[in-house]
Amino acid sequence: MSLATQVLKYSSKRAVELWNLLKQTKDESDIEVLTTSFLQHKSDQEVAIDAVAEVAEQIDAEIKAIAARKQYLVELHNRAIERLKSKKETIDKTIIKLYKAGAIATKTEGLSRTIKIKTNPPSCEVLIPTQDLPEEYRYEKVEIRADKKAITHAWKEGIEVEGTEVFQKQRVVYELSKDIT
């Protein structure tokens, strides 16, 4: 039995029924048909409203739980990647140290592998504020962006900005409507 079913069974049999039906749906149109048919039974519409709201809230809870697990796994894997990168960097530094000490040549052959020491193209680190560099060694990057807040504010004032469309989406809010204690 899934966690959602375990949680929902304490609130409503209809919510468990809806949850189990939702698990079997293939696409959004199936979910739409199921939700519509669930809510159109006039005889128990109040129970159906509660069941749909409970299922929606349970879905939100499961999304948050899965997102938290995902974040934990991302952090776990990032730490593993950093440990491996550190080990590889230490190996590379050791080989360069051995090369500089003359212990290995620029090209050193093994039985099936070769280690080569190559010099990368030059790179630069700027040690002073960029504006203190001579002009021929700096450039300005200009980025033009739409000010969406200003466009929305203008729309609220009745001003249409050509080339834009302001819209308002609708959302569903699930909340307790009665004292159920």
C-alpha atoms as a PDB file:
ATOM      1  CA  MET A   1       0.000   0.000   0.000  1.00  0.00           C
ATOM      2  CA  SER A   2       1.466   3.376  -0.985  1.00  0.00           C
ATOM      3  CA  LEU A   3       2.104   6.120   1.541  1.00  0.00           C
ATOM      4  CA  ALA A   4      -0.617   8.229  -0.059  1.00  0.00           C
ATOM      5  CA  THR A   5      -3.158   5.425   0.305  1.00  0.00           C
ATOM      6  CA  GLN A   6      -2.151   4.942   3.936  1.00  0.00           C
ATOM      7  CA  VAL A   7      -2.572   8.653   4.676  1.00  0.00           C
ATOM      8  CA  LEU A   8      -5.797   9.057   2.698  1.00  0.00           C
ATOM      9  CA  LYS A   9      -7.509   5.989   4.193  1.00  0.00           C
ATOM     10  CA  TYR A  10      -7.862   7.893   7.470  1.00  0.00           C
ATOM     11  CA  SER A  11      -9.767  10.721   5.821  1.00  0.00           C
ATOM     12  CA  SER A  12     -11.962   9.248   3.115  1.00  0.00           C
ATOM     13  CA  LYS A  13     -12.677   6.055   1.200  1.00  0.00           C
ATOM     14  CA  ARG A  14     -13.545   8.229  -1.819  1.00  0.00           C
ATOM     15  CA  ALA A  15     -10.084   9.855  -1.647  1.00  0.00           C
ATOM     16  CA  VAL A  16      -8.435   6.420  -1.644  1.00  0.00           C
ATOM     17  CA  GLU A  17     -10.675   5.386  -4.536  1.00  0.00           C
ATOM     18  CA  LEU A  18      -9.717   8.510  -6.513  1.00  0.00           C
ATOM     19  CA  TRP A  19      -6.021   8.018  -5.722  1.00  0.00           C
ATOM     20  CA  ASN A  20      -6.104   4.419  -6.948  1.00  0.00           C
ATOM     21  CA  LEU A  21      -7.909   5.458 -10.132  1.00  0.00           C
ATOM     22  CA  LEU A  22      -5.394   8.285 -10.720  1.00  0.00           C
ATOM     23  CA  LYS A  23      -2.513   5.804 -10.476  1.00  0.00           C
ATOM     24  CA  GLN A  24      -4.011   3.918 -13.430  1.00  0.00           C
ATOM     25  CA  THR A  25      -4.399   6.965 -15.711  1.00  0.00           C
ATOM     26  CA  LYS A  26      -2.209   7.217 -18.779  1.00  0.00           C
ATOM     27  CA  ASP A  27      -2.350  10.915 -19.633  1.00  0.00           C
ATOM     28  CA  GLU A  28      -3.830  14.305 -18.727  1.00  0.00           C
ATOM     29  CA  SER A  29      -7.081  13.708 -20.585  1.00  0.00           C
ATOM     30  CA  ASP A  30      -7.725  10.586 -18.464  1.00  0.00           C
ATOM     31  CA  ILE A  31      -7.140  12.627 -15.304  1.00  0.00           C
ATOM     32  CA  GLU A  32      -9.480  15.356 -16.553  1.00  0.00           C
ATOM     33  CA  VAL A  33     -12.263  12.847 -17.338  1.00  0.00           C
ATOM     34  CA  LEU A  34     -11.787  11.106 -14.001  1.00  0.00           C
ATOM     35  CA  THR A  35     -11.851  14.343 -11.977  1.00  0.00           C
ATOM     36  CA  THR A  36     -14.899  15.616 -13.885  1.00  0.00           C
ATOM     37  CA  SER A  37     -16.863  12.397 -13.407  1.00  0.00           C
ATOM     38  CA  PHE A  38     -15.879  12.304  -9.758  1.00  0.00           C
ATOM     39  CA  LEU A  39     -17.195  15.823  -9.138  1.00  0.00           C
ATOM     40  CA  GLN A  40     -20.398  15.526 -11.210  1.00  0.00           C
ATOM     41  CA  HIS A  41     -22.182  13.028  -8.972  1.00  0.00           C
ATOM     42  CA  LYS A  42     -24.654  15.373  -7.283  1.00  0.00           C
ATOM     43  CA  SER A  43     -25.608  12.841  -4.612  1.00  0.00           C
ATOM     44  CA  ASP A  44     -22.215  12.946  -2.938  1.00  0.00           C
ATOM     45  CA  GLN A  45     -20.612  16.060  -4.394  1.00  0.00           C
ATOM     46  CA  GLU A  46     -19.501  17.360  -0.987  1.00  0.00           C
ATOM     47  CA  VAL A  47     -17.720  14.076  -0.278  1.00  0.00           C
ATOM     48  CA  ALA A  48     -16.204  14.183  -3.772  1.00  0.00           C
ATOM     49  CA  ILE A  49     -15.001  17.783  -3.254  1.00  0.00           C
ATOM     50  CA  ASP A  50     -13.272  16.708  -0.035  1.00  0.00           C
ATOM     51  CA  ALA A  51     -11.779  13.645  -1.752  1.00  0.00           C
ATOM     52  CA  VAL A  52     -10.413  15.654  -4.695  1.00  0.00           C
ATOM     53  CA  ALA A  53      -8.974  18.320  -2.370  1.00  0.00           C
ATOM     54  CA  GLU A  54      -7.390  15.662  -0.142  1.00  0.00           C
ATOM     55  CA  VAL A  55      -5.839  13.905  -3.136  1.00  0.00           C
ATOM     56  CA  ALA A  56      -4.526  17.213  -4.524  1.00  0.00           C
ATOM     57  CA  GLU A  57      -3.003  18.077  -1.150  1.00  0.00           C
ATOM     58  CA  GLN A  58      -1.481  14.584  -0.920  1.00  0.00           C
ATOM     59  CA  ILE A  59       0.043  15.034  -4.382  1.00  0.00           C
ATOM     60  CA  ASP A  60       1.575  18.328  -3.221  1.00  0.00           C
ATOM     61  CA  ALA A  61       2.970  16.572  -0.135  1.00  0.00           C
ATOM     62  CA  GLU A  62       4.453  13.784  -2.265  1.00  0.00           C
ATOM     63  CA  ILE A  63       6.005  16.338  -4.638  1.00  0.00           C
ATOM     64  CA  LYS A  64       7.684  18.053  -1.673  1.00  0.00           C
ATOM     65  CA  ALA A  65       8.912  14.738  -0.272  1.00  0.00           C
ATOM     66  CA  ILE A  66      10.318  13.620  -3.625  1.00  0.00           C
ATOM     67  CA  ALA A  67      11.941  17.042  -4.165  1.00  0.00           C
ATOM     68  CA  ALA A  68      13.589  16.785  -0.730  1.00  0.00           C
ATOM     69  CA  ARG A  69      14.871  13.274  -1.516  1.00  0.00           C
ATOM     70  CA  LYS A  70      16.113  14.517  -4.896  1.00  0.00           C
ATOM     71  CA  GLN A  71      17.958  17.414  -3.242  1.00  0.00           C
ATOM     72  CA  TYR A  72      19.557  15.027  -0.739  1.00  0.00           C
ATOM     73  CA  LEU A  73      20.677  12.703  -3.552  1.00  0.00           C
ATOM     74  CA  VAL A  74      22.037  15.611  -5.598  1.00  0.00           C
ATOM     75  CA  GLU A  75      24.072  16.788  -2.597  1.00  0.00           C
ATOM     76  CA  LEU A  76      25.253  13.234  -1.911  1.00  0.00           C
ATOM     77  CA  HIS A  77      26.378  12.767  -5.524  1.00  0.00           C
ATOM     78  CA  ASN A  78      27.958  16.230  -5.675  1.00  0.00           C
ATOM     79  CA  ARG A  79      30.087  15.356  -2.627  1.00  0.00           C
ATOM     80  CA  ALA A  80      31.117  12.077  -4.279  1.00  0.00           C
ATOM     81  CA  ILE A  81      32.019  13.920  -7.485  1.00  0.00           C
ATOM     82  CA  GLU A  82      34.066  16.479  -5.543  1.00  0.00           C
ATOM     83  CA  ARG A  83      35.956  13.693  -3.715  1.00  0.00           C
ATOM     84  CA  LEU A  84      36.762  12.020  -7.045  1.00  0.00           C
ATOM     85  CA  LYS A  85      37.811  15.317  -8.643  1.00  0.00           C
ATOM     86  CA  SER A  86      40.085  15.980  -5.671  1.00  0.00           C
ATOM     87  CA  LYS A  87      41.712  12.554  -6.049  1.00  0.00           C
ATOM     88  CA  LYS A  88      42.241  13.096  -9.781  1.00  0.00           C
ATOM     89  CA  GLU A  89      43.687  16.568  -9.147  1.00  0.00           C
ATOM     90  CA  THR A  90      46.101  15.132  -6.573  1.00  0.00           C
ATOM     91  CA  ILE A  91      47.249  12.471  -9.061  1.00  0.00           C
ATOM     92  CA  ASP A  92      47.787  15.165 -11.741  1.00  0.00           C
ATOM     93  CA  LYS A  93      49.705  17.420  -9.317  1.00  0.00           C
ATOM     94  CA  THR A  94      51.871  14.491  -8.241  1.00  0.00           C
ATOM     95  CA  ILE A  95      52.721  13.614 -11.861  1.00  0.00           C
ATOM     96  CA  ILE A  96      53.624  17.259 -12.614  1.00  0.00           C
ATOM     97  CA  LYS A  97      55.740  17.371  -9.435  1.00  0.00           C
ATOM     98  CA  LEU A  98      57.553  14.190 -10.558  1.00  0.00           C
ATOM     99  CA  TYR A  99      58.033  15.693 -14.043  1.00  0.00           C
ATOM    100  CA  LYS A 100      59.519  18.896 -12.595  1.00  0.00           C
ATOM    101  CA  ALA A 101      61.825  16.813 -10.393  1.00  0.00           C
ATOM    102  CA  GLY A 102      62.999  14.904 -13.489  1.00  0.00           C
ATOM    103  CA  ALA A 103      61.570  11.585 -12.341  1.00  0.00           C
ATOM    104  CA  ILE A 104      59.421  11.203 -15.471  1.00  0.00           C
ATOM    105  CA  ALA A 105      59.796  12.536 -19.010  1.00  0.00           C
ATOM    106  CA  THR A 106      57.401  14.689 -21.069  1.00  0.00           C
ATOM    107  CA  LYS A 107      56.137  11.435 -22.552  1.00  0.00           C
ATOM    108  CA  THR A 108      56.304   8.317 -20.424  1.00  0.00           C
ATOM    109  CA  GLU A 109      55.158   4.964 -21.792  1.00  0.00           C
ATOM    110  CA  GLY A 110      53.604   2.195 -19.749  1.00  0.00           C
ATOM    111  CA  LEU A 111      52.637  -1.283 -20.976  1.00  0.00           C
ATOM    112  CA  SER A 112      49.335  -0.089 -22.472  1.00  0.00           C
ATOM    113  CA  ARG A 113      49.084   3.586 -21.526  1.00  0.00           C
ATOM    114  CA  THR A 114      51.079   6.763 -22.060  1.00  0.00           C
ATOM    115  CA  ILE A 115      51.307   9.771 -19.778  1.00  0.00           C
ATOM    116  CA  LYS A 116      52.152  13.060 -21.504  1.00  0.00           C
ATOM    117  CA  ILE A 117      52.910  16.424 -19.948  1.00  0.00           C
ATOM    118  CA  LYS A 118      51.524  19.218 -22.121  1.00  0.00           C
ATOM    119  CA  THR A 119      51.621  22.968 -21.655  1.00  0.00           C
ATOM    120  CA  ASN A 120      48.218  24.638 -21.926  1.00  0.00           C
ATOM    121  CA  PRO A 121      47.686  27.876 -23.860  1.00  0.00           C
ATOM    122  CA  PRO A 122      48.385  30.988 -21.779  1.00  0.00           C
ATOM    123  CA  SER A 123      45.613  32.311 -19.565  1.00  0.00           C
ATOM    124  CA  CYS A 124      45.326  35.448 -17.498  1.00  0.00           C
ATOM    125  CA  GLU A 125      44.186  36.425 -14.035  1.00  0.00           C
ATOM    126  CA  VAL A 126      43.327  40.093 -13.475  1.00  0.00           C
ATOM    127  CA  LEU A 127      44.705  41.269 -10.134  1.00  0.00           C
ATOM    128  CA  ILE A 128      43.404  44.853 -10.215  1.00  0.00           C
ATOM    129  CA  PRO A 129      39.897  46.271 -10.685  1.00  0.00           C
ATOM    130  CA  THR A 130      38.873  45.966 -14.340  1.00  0.00           C
ATOM    131  CA  GLN A 131      38.264  49.725 -14.695  1.00  0.00           C
ATOM    132  CA  ASP A 132      41.983  50.323 -13.838  1.00  0.00           C
ATOM    133  CA  LEU A 133      43.161  48.319 -16.862  1.00  0.00           C
ATOM    134  CA  PRO A 134      44.160  50.281 -19.981  1.00  0.00           C
ATOM    135  CA  GLU A 135      41.160  50.717 -22.307  1.00  0.00           C
ATOM    136  CA  GLU A 136      42.561  48.467 -25.047  1.00  0.00           C
ATOM    137  CA  TYR A 137      42.503  45.529 -22.569  1.00  0.00           C
ATOM    138  CA  ARG A 138      38.892  45.735 -21.471  1.00  0.00           C
ATOM    139  CA  TYR A 139      35.457  45.773 -23.022  1.00  0.00           C
ATOM    140  CA  GLU A 140      31.963  46.602 -21.884  1.00  0.00           C
ATOM    141  CA  LYS A 141      29.184  44.099 -22.124  1.00  0.00           C
ATOM    142  CA  VAL A 142      25.785  45.717 -22.511  1.00  0.00           C
ATOM    143  CA  GLU A 143      22.734  43.582 -21.905  1.00  0.00           C
ATOM    144  CA  ILE A 144      19.280  44.824 -22.727  1.00  0.00           C
ATOM    145  CA  ARG A 145      16.415  43.087 -20.926  1.00  0.00           C
ATOM    146  CA  ALA A 146      12.707  43.616 -20.717  1.00  0.00           C
ATOM    147  CA  ASP A 147      11.551  45.185 -17.439  1.00  0.00           C
ATOM    148  CA  LYS A 148       8.598  42.878 -16.853  1.00  0.00           C
ATOM    149  CA  LYS A 149       7.639  44.601 -13.603  1.00  0.00           C
ATOM    150  CA  ALA A 150       7.399  47.966 -15.375  1.00  0.00           C
ATOM    151  CA  ILE A 151       5.378  46.417 -18.211  1.00  0.00           C
ATOM    152  CA  THR A 152       2.975  44.804 -15.732  1.00  0.00           C
ATOM    153  CA  HIS A 153       2.691  48.063 -13.788  1.00  0.00           C
ATOM    154  CA  ALA A 154       1.918  49.951 -17.017  1.00  0.00           C
ATOM    155  CA  TRP A 155      -0.761  47.368 -17.850  1.00  0.00           C
ATOM    156  CA  LYS A 156      -2.349  47.902 -14.432  1.00  0.00           C
ATOM    157  CA  GLU A 157      -2.429  51.634 -15.227  1.00  0.00           C
ATOM    158  CA  GLY A 158      -4.217  50.899 -18.520  1.00  0.00           C
ATOM    159  CA  ILE A 159      -1.165  51.365 -20.752  1.00  0.00           C
ATOM    160  CA  GLU A 160      -0.480  48.636 -23.306  1.00  0.00           C
ATOM    161  CA  VAL A 161       3.151  48.097 -24.231  1.00  0.00           C
ATOM    162  CA  GLU A 162       3.482  47.103 -27.880  1.00  0.00           C
ATOM    163  CA  GLY A 163       5.031  43.690 -28.395  1.00  0.00           C
ATOM    164  CA  THR A 164       3.979  42.355 -25.014  1.00  0.00           C
ATOM    165  CA  GLU A 165       1.075  40.422 -23.608  1.00  0.00           C
ATOM    166  CA  VAL A 166       0.125  40.588 -19.955  1.00  0.00           C
ATOM    167  CA  PHE A 167      -1.845  37.661 -18.621  1.00  0.00           C
ATOM    168  CA  GLN A 168      -3.058  36.285 -15.334  1.00  0.00           C
ATOM    169  CA  LYS A 169      -3.160  32.573 -14.711  1.00  0.00           C
ATOM    170  CA  GLN A 170      -5.704  30.972 -12.439  1.00  0.00           C
ATOM    171  CA  ARG A 171      -4.797  28.541  -9.702  1.00  0.00           C
ATOM    172  CA  VAL A 172      -6.733  26.232  -7.457  1.00  0.00           C
ATOM    173  CA  VAL A 173      -6.534  26.684  -3.686  1.00  0.00           C
ATOM    174  CA  TYR A 174      -7.397  23.785  -1.394  1.00  0.00           C
ATOM    175  CA  GLU A 175      -8.301  24.644   2.176  1.00  0.00           C
ATOM    176  CA  LEU A 176     -10.412  23.431   5.059  1.00  0.00           C
ATOM    177  CA  SER A 177     -13.803  25.085   4.992  1.00  0.00           C
ATOM    178  CA  LYS A 178     -15.380  23.723   8.158  1.00  0.00           C
ATOM    179  CA  ASP A 179     -14.232  22.907  11.642  1.00  0.00           C
ATOM    180  CA  ILE A 180     -13.827  19.149  11.352  1.00  0.00           C
ATOM    181  CA  THR A 181     -12.902  18.460  14.974  1.00  0.00           C
END
